[in-house]
Each structure stands twice: as C-alpha cells, then as structure tokens.
Amino acid sequence: MATIRHEFYESDEKVTLSIFDRGADPAQVSVKFEPRKFSYTHGEKSLVLEPLKGQIDPNTSEFTVGKVKVEVRLAKMAPGRWGTLVGDSPDPLAAPTPSVVPSAPTTTVKKPRKNWEGITTEILGTDKEKTSDEDPNVGGDSTLNGFFQKIFADADEDTKRAMMKSYQESGGTTLSTNWDEVKKAPVEVKPPAGSEWKKWN
C-alpha cells in the first residue's frame, strides 16, 4: 500500500492533520481513532500513525473529506504541544506518578470565548446612556444651566467672581473661572462661529 503525503499543525487542545488524497470518495474512506493510534485507508492508499505522541479522545476526534484533502482533527486528552505526531513518549494520562495526577483536571478547562454580543451591547449602551454629569449636552439648556449652577455652587469666591464678570461682560458668550485673567480687563464678546453680535438699545 502507498503511504499518503500528510502534514499537521497543532494547538494545545488538538492536532489538525491534512491528508492529501485528492478526490477521495467519502464512502470509500476508512478512518479509525484509537487512544494512541490513528489509521486512514482509501483503496490502495493508507496512513497509520502509531504510537501517537500523546493520547487522543476517539469520541471527540473527527474528520472531513474534501476535494483536495482529508482534514482530521485529533482531540488531545491532555493539553500541551506534541511537537511531532508519532513518538514513544510516556503517556501522561497512564503514568501513575503523583506529579502528573493534579494536572488531569485541566483537560476540562476551555479557553474563554469572547462574548461579541455582550461587547456590542456594552458599546451601544455607552453611546446611549450618558448622564448629564458625563456629558452636559445630554438634556439641552436646562441641564446645561444645572451643570453651570453646580460648578458655581462648588466654586470659591474668586471663581464665582470670574464667572459672573465674564458672563455679564461678554453678553453670555464666555464663561471663565480664572479670576486672575478676568480681573485685568473687560471680557470680549465671542459670538458663536457664523453669527454676528449686535447690541440692543
């Protein structure tokens, strides 16, 4: 029987094996998973890997037959890298040494998946639910006035003086909290961009 060209890559949880058998007929393909052995047969072609470098779980290992290759996913019983497919390394699950036993429960540990829905909800939530403390523009003029009143109430005498003077002299277009700057000269009127200041008599 001819041995088929194959290659593999691995993660800590599984080995993905590609068997290059172009045009393989799924009905003719025979795959057998055993704890330390994998065998593939298709007509005259075969591939037997024994002993596998580590132990696999035959129940959760699987394969798919494609047009160009057969992809086999070997589920590792113990997480970790093998480095090679076949080898005589001692089976970590069969070893009776106490140092290996505590690591056995880690087989149930799965990597946390990103909760994309939760993240999306969080982003949308932050767009909507801003309070007036976070963004003074949320509630319009009344909230804005409340925001300034809060600043005014918590301010010291110089800051209050600066706010009053700047607001009155600028016709409500400037609000400064810096008394050192405001006390030197009258505060200029600064109308919003695109508008013109006119004094009413």
C-alpha atoms as a PDB file:
ATOM      1  CA  MET A   1       0.000   0.000   0.000  1.00  0.00           C
ATOM      2  CA  ALA A   2       1.184   3.527  -0.768  1.00  0.00           C
ATOM      3  CA  THR A   3       1.669   5.966   2.108  1.00  0.00           C
ATOM      4  CA  ILE A   4      -0.030   9.305   1.536  1.00  0.00           C
ATOM      5  CA  ARG A   5       1.587  12.716   1.894  1.00  0.00           C
ATOM      6  CA  HIS A   6       0.387  14.455   5.027  1.00  0.00           C
ATOM      7  CA  GLU A   7       1.194  17.393   7.276  1.00  0.00           C
ATOM      8  CA  PHE A   8      -0.088  18.739  10.580  1.00  0.00           C
ATOM      9  CA  TYR A   9      -0.313  21.755  12.851  1.00  0.00           C
ATOM     10  CA  GLU A  10      -1.413  21.808  16.465  1.00  0.00           C
ATOM     11  CA  SER A  11      -2.837  23.852  19.302  1.00  0.00           C
ATOM     12  CA  ASP A  12      -2.787  22.882  22.983  1.00  0.00           C
ATOM     13  CA  GLU A  13      -6.190  21.212  22.577  1.00  0.00           C
ATOM     14  CA  LYS A  14      -5.984  19.448  19.200  1.00  0.00           C
ATOM     15  CA  VAL A  15      -3.871  18.295  16.277  1.00  0.00           C
ATOM     16  CA  THR A  16      -5.167  19.133  12.783  1.00  0.00           C
ATOM     17  CA  LEU A  17      -3.853  16.622  10.270  1.00  0.00           C
ATOM     18  CA  SER A  18      -4.142  17.163   6.495  1.00  0.00           C
ATOM     19  CA  ILE A  19      -4.006  14.011   4.361  1.00  0.00           C
ATOM     20  CA  PHE A  20      -3.512  14.928   0.689  1.00  0.00           C
ATOM     21  CA  ASP A  21      -5.805  12.441  -1.039  1.00  0.00           C
ATOM     22  CA  ARG A  22      -7.266  14.383  -3.989  1.00  0.00           C
ATOM     23  CA  GLY A  23     -10.796  13.363  -4.995  1.00  0.00           C
ATOM     24  CA  ALA A  24     -11.220  10.877  -2.132  1.00  0.00           C
ATOM     25  CA  ASP A  25     -14.633   9.215  -2.103  1.00  0.00           C
ATOM     26  CA  PRO A  26     -16.189   9.692   1.349  1.00  0.00           C
ATOM     27  CA  ALA A  27     -17.935   6.303   1.005  1.00  0.00           C
ATOM     28  CA  GLN A  28     -14.582   4.555   0.418  1.00  0.00           C
ATOM     29  CA  VAL A  29     -12.621   6.328   3.154  1.00  0.00           C
ATOM     30  CA  SER A  30     -11.985   4.381   6.362  1.00  0.00           C
ATOM     31  CA  VAL A  31     -10.744   6.240   9.452  1.00  0.00           C
ATOM     32  CA  LYS A  32     -10.057   4.671  12.841  1.00  0.00           C
ATOM     33  CA  PHE A  33      -9.328   6.617  16.039  1.00  0.00           C
ATOM     34  CA  GLU A  34      -7.707   4.833  18.997  1.00  0.00           C
ATOM     35  CA  PRO A  35      -6.181   6.414  22.140  1.00  0.00           C
ATOM     36  CA  ARG A  36      -2.584   6.169  20.810  1.00  0.00           C
ATOM     37  CA  LYS A  37      -3.187   5.184  17.171  1.00  0.00           C
ATOM     38  CA  PHE A  38      -4.737   6.727  14.048  1.00  0.00           C
ATOM     39  CA  SER A  39      -5.296   4.866  10.781  1.00  0.00           C
ATOM     40  CA  TYR A  40      -6.616   6.041   7.411  1.00  0.00           C
ATOM     41  CA  THR A  41      -7.377   3.802   4.422  1.00  0.00           C
ATOM     42  CA  HIS A  42      -8.737   4.686   0.975  1.00  0.00           C
ATOM     43  CA  GLY A  43      -8.391   1.993  -1.676  1.00  0.00           C
ATOM     44  CA  GLU A  44      -4.657   1.288  -2.084  1.00  0.00           C
ATOM     45  CA  LYS A  45      -3.629   4.299  -0.023  1.00  0.00           C
ATOM     46  CA  SER A  46      -3.133   4.167   3.718  1.00  0.00           C
ATOM     47  CA  LEU A  47      -1.653   6.118   6.596  1.00  0.00           C
ATOM     48  CA  VAL A  48      -1.041   4.634  10.038  1.00  0.00           C
ATOM     49  CA  LEU A  49       0.322   6.779  12.857  1.00  0.00           C
ATOM     50  CA  GLU A  50       1.404   4.676  15.853  1.00  0.00           C
ATOM     51  CA  PRO A  51       2.172   5.283  18.626  1.00  0.00           C
ATOM     52  CA  LEU A  52       0.838   8.803  18.619  1.00  0.00           C
ATOM     53  CA  LYS A  53       2.996  11.222  20.615  1.00  0.00           C
ATOM     54  CA  GLY A  54       0.135  11.814  23.055  1.00  0.00           C
ATOM     55  CA  GLN A  55      -3.233  10.299  23.853  1.00  0.00           C
ATOM     56  CA  ILE A  56      -6.325  11.343  21.884  1.00  0.00           C
ATOM     57  CA  ASP A  57     -10.021  11.124  22.656  1.00  0.00           C
ATOM     58  CA  PRO A  58     -11.518   8.848  19.950  1.00  0.00           C
ATOM     59  CA  ASN A  59     -15.057  10.065  20.772  1.00  0.00           C
ATOM     60  CA  THR A  60     -14.441  13.748  20.047  1.00  0.00           C
ATOM     61  CA  SER A  61     -11.865  13.351  17.250  1.00  0.00           C
ATOM     62  CA  GLU A  62     -13.362  13.875  13.777  1.00  0.00           C
ATOM     63  CA  PHE A  63     -12.576  14.197  10.077  1.00  0.00           C
ATOM     64  CA  THR A  64     -13.979  15.750   6.895  1.00  0.00           C
ATOM     65  CA  VAL A  65     -13.352  14.617   3.324  1.00  0.00           C
ATOM     66  CA  GLY A  66     -12.680  17.500   0.914  1.00  0.00           C
ATOM     67  CA  LYS A  67     -11.898  17.672  -2.800  1.00  0.00           C
ATOM     68  CA  VAL A  68      -8.151  18.065  -2.321  1.00  0.00           C
ATOM     69  CA  LYS A  69      -7.507  16.670   1.148  1.00  0.00           C
ATOM     70  CA  VAL A  70      -8.982  14.898   4.127  1.00  0.00           C
ATOM     71  CA  GLU A  71      -8.804  17.013   7.269  1.00  0.00           C
ATOM     72  CA  VAL A  72      -8.549  15.117  10.556  1.00  0.00           C
ATOM     73  CA  ARG A  73      -8.951  16.763  13.969  1.00  0.00           C
ATOM     74  CA  LEU A  74      -7.404  14.723  16.774  1.00  0.00           C
ATOM     75  CA  ALA A  75      -8.682  15.871  20.178  1.00  0.00           C
ATOM     76  CA  LYS A  76      -5.913  15.729  22.785  1.00  0.00           C
ATOM     77  CA  MET A  77      -6.733  14.128  26.132  1.00  0.00           C
ATOM     78  CA  ALA A  78      -4.152  16.310  27.893  1.00  0.00           C
ATOM     79  CA  PRO A  79      -3.479  19.900  26.788  1.00  0.00           C
ATOM     80  CA  GLY A  80       0.013  20.714  25.575  1.00  0.00           C
ATOM     81  CA  ARG A  81       2.203  20.608  22.478  1.00  0.00           C
ATOM     82  CA  TRP A  82       3.436  17.333  20.981  1.00  0.00           C
ATOM     83  CA  GLY A  83       5.981  18.717  18.521  1.00  0.00           C
ATOM     84  CA  THR A  84       5.688  15.538  16.407  1.00  0.00           C
ATOM     85  CA  LEU A  85       2.820  13.177  15.541  1.00  0.00           C
ATOM     86  CA  VAL A  86       4.463   9.886  16.470  1.00  0.00           C
ATOM     87  CA  GLY A  87       6.768   9.139  19.372  1.00  0.00           C
ATOM     88  CA  ASP A  88       7.442   6.834  22.277  1.00  0.00           C
ATOM     89  CA  SER A  89       6.944   9.474  24.938  1.00  0.00           C
ATOM     90  CA  PRO A  90       5.303   8.071  28.071  1.00  0.00           C
ATOM     91  CA  ASP A  91       1.562   8.550  28.115  1.00  0.00           C
ATOM     92  CA  PRO A  92       0.904  11.351  30.634  1.00  0.00           C
ATOM     93  CA  LEU A  93      -2.584  10.026  31.396  1.00  0.00           C
ATOM     94  CA  ALA A  94      -1.409   6.461  32.041  1.00  0.00           C
ATOM     95  CA  ALA A  95       1.536   7.497  34.203  1.00  0.00           C
ATOM     96  CA  PRO A  96       0.910   6.686  37.870  1.00  0.00           C
ATOM     97  CA  THR A  97       3.339   9.351  39.137  1.00  0.00           C
ATOM     98  CA  PRO A  98       1.610  11.746  41.546  1.00  0.00           C
ATOM     99  CA  SER A  99       3.192  14.816  39.906  1.00  0.00           C
ATOM    100  CA  VAL A 100       1.061  14.261  36.777  1.00  0.00           C
ATOM    101  CA  VAL A 101      -2.238  13.482  38.521  1.00  0.00           C
ATOM    102  CA  PRO A 102      -3.056  17.066  39.649  1.00  0.00           C
ATOM    103  CA  SER A 103      -2.778  18.316  36.071  1.00  0.00           C
ATOM    104  CA  ALA A 104      -5.501  15.931  34.862  1.00  0.00           C
ATOM    105  CA  PRO A 105      -8.443  18.265  35.734  1.00  0.00           C
ATOM    106  CA  THR A 106      -7.059  20.857  33.311  1.00  0.00           C
ATOM    107  CA  THR A 107      -8.488  18.762  30.457  1.00  0.00           C
ATOM    108  CA  THR A 108     -11.905  20.285  31.221  1.00  0.00           C
ATOM    109  CA  VAL A 109     -10.591  23.853  31.022  1.00  0.00           C
ATOM    110  CA  LYS A 110     -11.719  25.606  27.872  1.00  0.00           C
ATOM    111  CA  LYS A 111     -10.372  28.910  26.656  1.00  0.00           C
ATOM    112  CA  PRO A 112     -12.860  31.697  27.369  1.00  0.00           C
ATOM    113  CA  ARG A 113     -14.595  32.789  24.213  1.00  0.00           C
ATOM    114  CA  LYS A 114     -15.161  36.446  23.524  1.00  0.00           C
ATOM    115  CA  ASN A 115     -18.781  37.379  24.104  1.00  0.00           C
ATOM    116  CA  TRP A 116     -19.202  39.545  21.000  1.00  0.00           C
ATOM    117  CA  GLU A 117     -22.896  40.180  21.713  1.00  0.00           C
ATOM    118  CA  GLY A 118     -22.063  41.421  25.197  1.00  0.00           C
ATOM    119  CA  ILE A 119     -19.351  43.704  23.848  1.00  0.00           C
ATOM    120  CA  THR A 120     -21.693  45.113  21.197  1.00  0.00           C
ATOM    121  CA  THR A 121     -24.390  45.740  23.821  1.00  0.00           C
ATOM    122  CA  GLU A 122     -21.824  47.443  26.031  1.00  0.00           C
ATOM    123  CA  ILE A 123     -20.698  49.739  23.193  1.00  0.00           C
ATOM    124  CA  LEU A 124     -24.271  50.594  22.218  1.00  0.00           C
ATOM    125  CA  GLY A 125     -25.123  51.163  25.889  1.00  0.00           C
ATOM    126  CA  THR A 126     -22.266  53.619  26.340  1.00  0.00           C
ATOM    127  CA  ASP A 127     -23.490  55.539  23.298  1.00  0.00           C
ATOM    128  CA  LYS A 128     -26.980  55.935  24.737  1.00  0.00           C
ATOM    129  CA  GLU A 129     -26.975  56.135  28.481  1.00  0.00           C
ATOM    130  CA  LYS A 130     -24.800  59.105  29.340  1.00  0.00           C
ATOM    131  CA  THR A 131     -25.863  61.128  32.337  1.00  0.00           C
ATOM    132  CA  SER A 132     -25.705  64.901  32.488  1.00  0.00           C
ATOM    133  CA  ASP A 133     -22.636  64.583  34.762  1.00  0.00           C
ATOM    134  CA  GLU A 134     -20.774  62.746  31.985  1.00  0.00           C
ATOM    135  CA  ASP A 135     -21.985  64.963  29.166  1.00  0.00           C
ATOM    136  CA  PRO A 136     -23.579  68.362  29.918  1.00  0.00           C
ATOM    137  CA  ASN A 137     -25.197  68.445  26.445  1.00  0.00           C
ATOM    138  CA  VAL A 138     -27.461  65.458  27.157  1.00  0.00           C
ATOM    139  CA  GLY A 139     -30.540  67.360  28.381  1.00  0.00           C
ATOM    140  CA  GLY A 140     -30.297  70.616  26.479  1.00  0.00           C
ATOM    141  CA  ASP A 141     -30.289  74.114  28.055  1.00  0.00           C
ATOM    142  CA  SER A 142     -31.908  73.167  31.358  1.00  0.00           C
ATOM    143  CA  THR A 143     -29.278  70.502  32.030  1.00  0.00           C
ATOM    144  CA  LEU A 144     -26.534  72.849  30.911  1.00  0.00           C
ATOM    145  CA  ASN A 145     -27.765  75.547  33.306  1.00  0.00           C
ATOM    146  CA  GLY A 146     -27.866  72.963  36.084  1.00  0.00           C
ATOM    147  CA  PHE A 147     -24.309  71.945  35.184  1.00  0.00           C
ATOM    148  CA  PHE A 148     -23.102  75.568  35.477  1.00  0.00           C
ATOM    149  CA  GLN A 149     -25.054  76.072  38.705  1.00  0.00           C
ATOM    150  CA  LYS A 150     -23.297  73.033  40.169  1.00  0.00           C
ATOM    151  CA  ILE A 151     -19.882  74.454  39.174  1.00  0.00           C
ATOM    152  CA  PHE A 152     -20.870  77.847  40.612  1.00  0.00           C
ATOM    153  CA  ALA A 153     -22.127  76.337  43.893  1.00  0.00           C
ATOM    154  CA  ASP A 154     -18.908  74.360  44.433  1.00  0.00           C
ATOM    155  CA  ALA A 155     -16.597  77.252  43.451  1.00  0.00           C
ATOM    156  CA  ASP A 156     -14.568  79.565  45.687  1.00  0.00           C
ATOM    157  CA  GLU A 157     -15.185  83.346  45.788  1.00  0.00           C
ATOM    158  CA  ASP A 158     -12.640  84.233  43.057  1.00  0.00           C
ATOM    159  CA  THR A 159     -14.059  81.616  40.699  1.00  0.00           C
ATOM    160  CA  LYS A 160     -17.625  82.871  41.302  1.00  0.00           C
ATOM    161  CA  ARG A 161     -16.491  86.467  40.687  1.00  0.00           C
ATOM    162  CA  ALA A 162     -14.747  85.389  37.439  1.00  0.00           C
ATOM    163  CA  MET A 163     -17.839  83.516  36.233  1.00  0.00           C
ATOM    164  CA  MET A 164     -20.180  86.453  36.934  1.00  0.00           C
ATOM    165  CA  LYS A 165     -17.918  89.105  35.363  1.00  0.00           C
ATOM    166  CA  SER A 166     -17.060  87.079  32.254  1.00  0.00           C
ATOM    167  CA  TYR A 167     -20.676  86.066  31.661  1.00  0.00           C
ATOM    168  CA  GLN A 168     -22.088  89.606  32.044  1.00  0.00           C
ATOM    169  CA  GLU A 169     -19.384  91.483  30.094  1.00  0.00           C
ATOM    170  CA  SER A 170     -19.381  89.010  27.202  1.00  0.00           C
ATOM    171  CA  GLY A 171     -23.158  89.077  26.849  1.00  0.00           C
ATOM    172  CA  GLY A 172     -23.374  85.407  27.827  1.00  0.00           C
ATOM    173  CA  THR A 173     -20.878  84.237  25.175  1.00  0.00           C
ATOM    174  CA  THR A 174     -17.965  83.496  27.532  1.00  0.00           C
ATOM    175  CA  LEU A 175     -17.804  81.830  30.930  1.00  0.00           C
ATOM    176  CA  SER A 176     -14.422  81.879  32.643  1.00  0.00           C
ATOM    177  CA  THR A 177     -13.412  80.534  36.036  1.00  0.00           C
ATOM    178  CA  ASN A 178      -9.988  82.221  36.029  1.00  0.00           C
ATOM    179  CA  TRP A 179     -10.273  85.411  38.139  1.00  0.00           C
ATOM    180  CA  ASP A 180      -6.596  86.365  37.625  1.00  0.00           C
ATOM    181  CA  GLU A 181      -7.250  86.629  33.892  1.00  0.00           C
ATOM    182  CA  VAL A 182     -10.762  88.144  34.014  1.00  0.00           C
ATOM    183  CA  LYS A 183      -9.998  90.945  36.545  1.00  0.00           C
ATOM    184  CA  LYS A 184      -7.351  92.573  34.287  1.00  0.00           C
ATOM    185  CA  ALA A 185      -9.700  93.815  31.546  1.00  0.00           C
ATOM    186  CA  PRO A 186     -13.282  93.634  30.258  1.00  0.00           C
ATOM    187  CA  VAL A 187     -14.177  90.259  28.763  1.00  0.00           C
ATOM    188  CA  GLU A 188     -14.664  90.301  24.991  1.00  0.00           C
ATOM    189  CA  VAL A 189     -17.871  89.238  23.344  1.00  0.00           C
ATOM    190  CA  LYS A 190     -17.287  85.991  21.422  1.00  0.00           C
ATOM    191  CA  PRO A 191     -20.375  85.103  19.384  1.00  0.00           C
ATOM    192  CA  PRO A 192     -20.591  81.536  18.037  1.00  0.00           C
ATOM    193  CA  ALA A 193     -18.927  80.891  14.651  1.00  0.00           C
ATOM    194  CA  GLY A 194     -21.040  82.179  11.759  1.00  0.00           C
ATOM    195  CA  SER A 195     -23.063  84.640  13.870  1.00  0.00           C
ATOM    196  CA  GLU A 196     -22.688  88.351  14.495  1.00  0.00           C
ATOM    197  CA  TRP A 197     -23.020  90.271  17.811  1.00  0.00           C
ATOM    198  CA  LYS A 198     -25.499  93.152  17.905  1.00  0.00           C
ATOM    199  CA  LYS A 199     -26.172  95.253  20.959  1.00  0.00           C
ATOM    200  CA  TRP A 200     -29.799  96.064  21.742  1.00  0.00           C
ATOM    201  CA  ASN A 201     -30.546  99.590  22.928  1.00  0.00           C
END
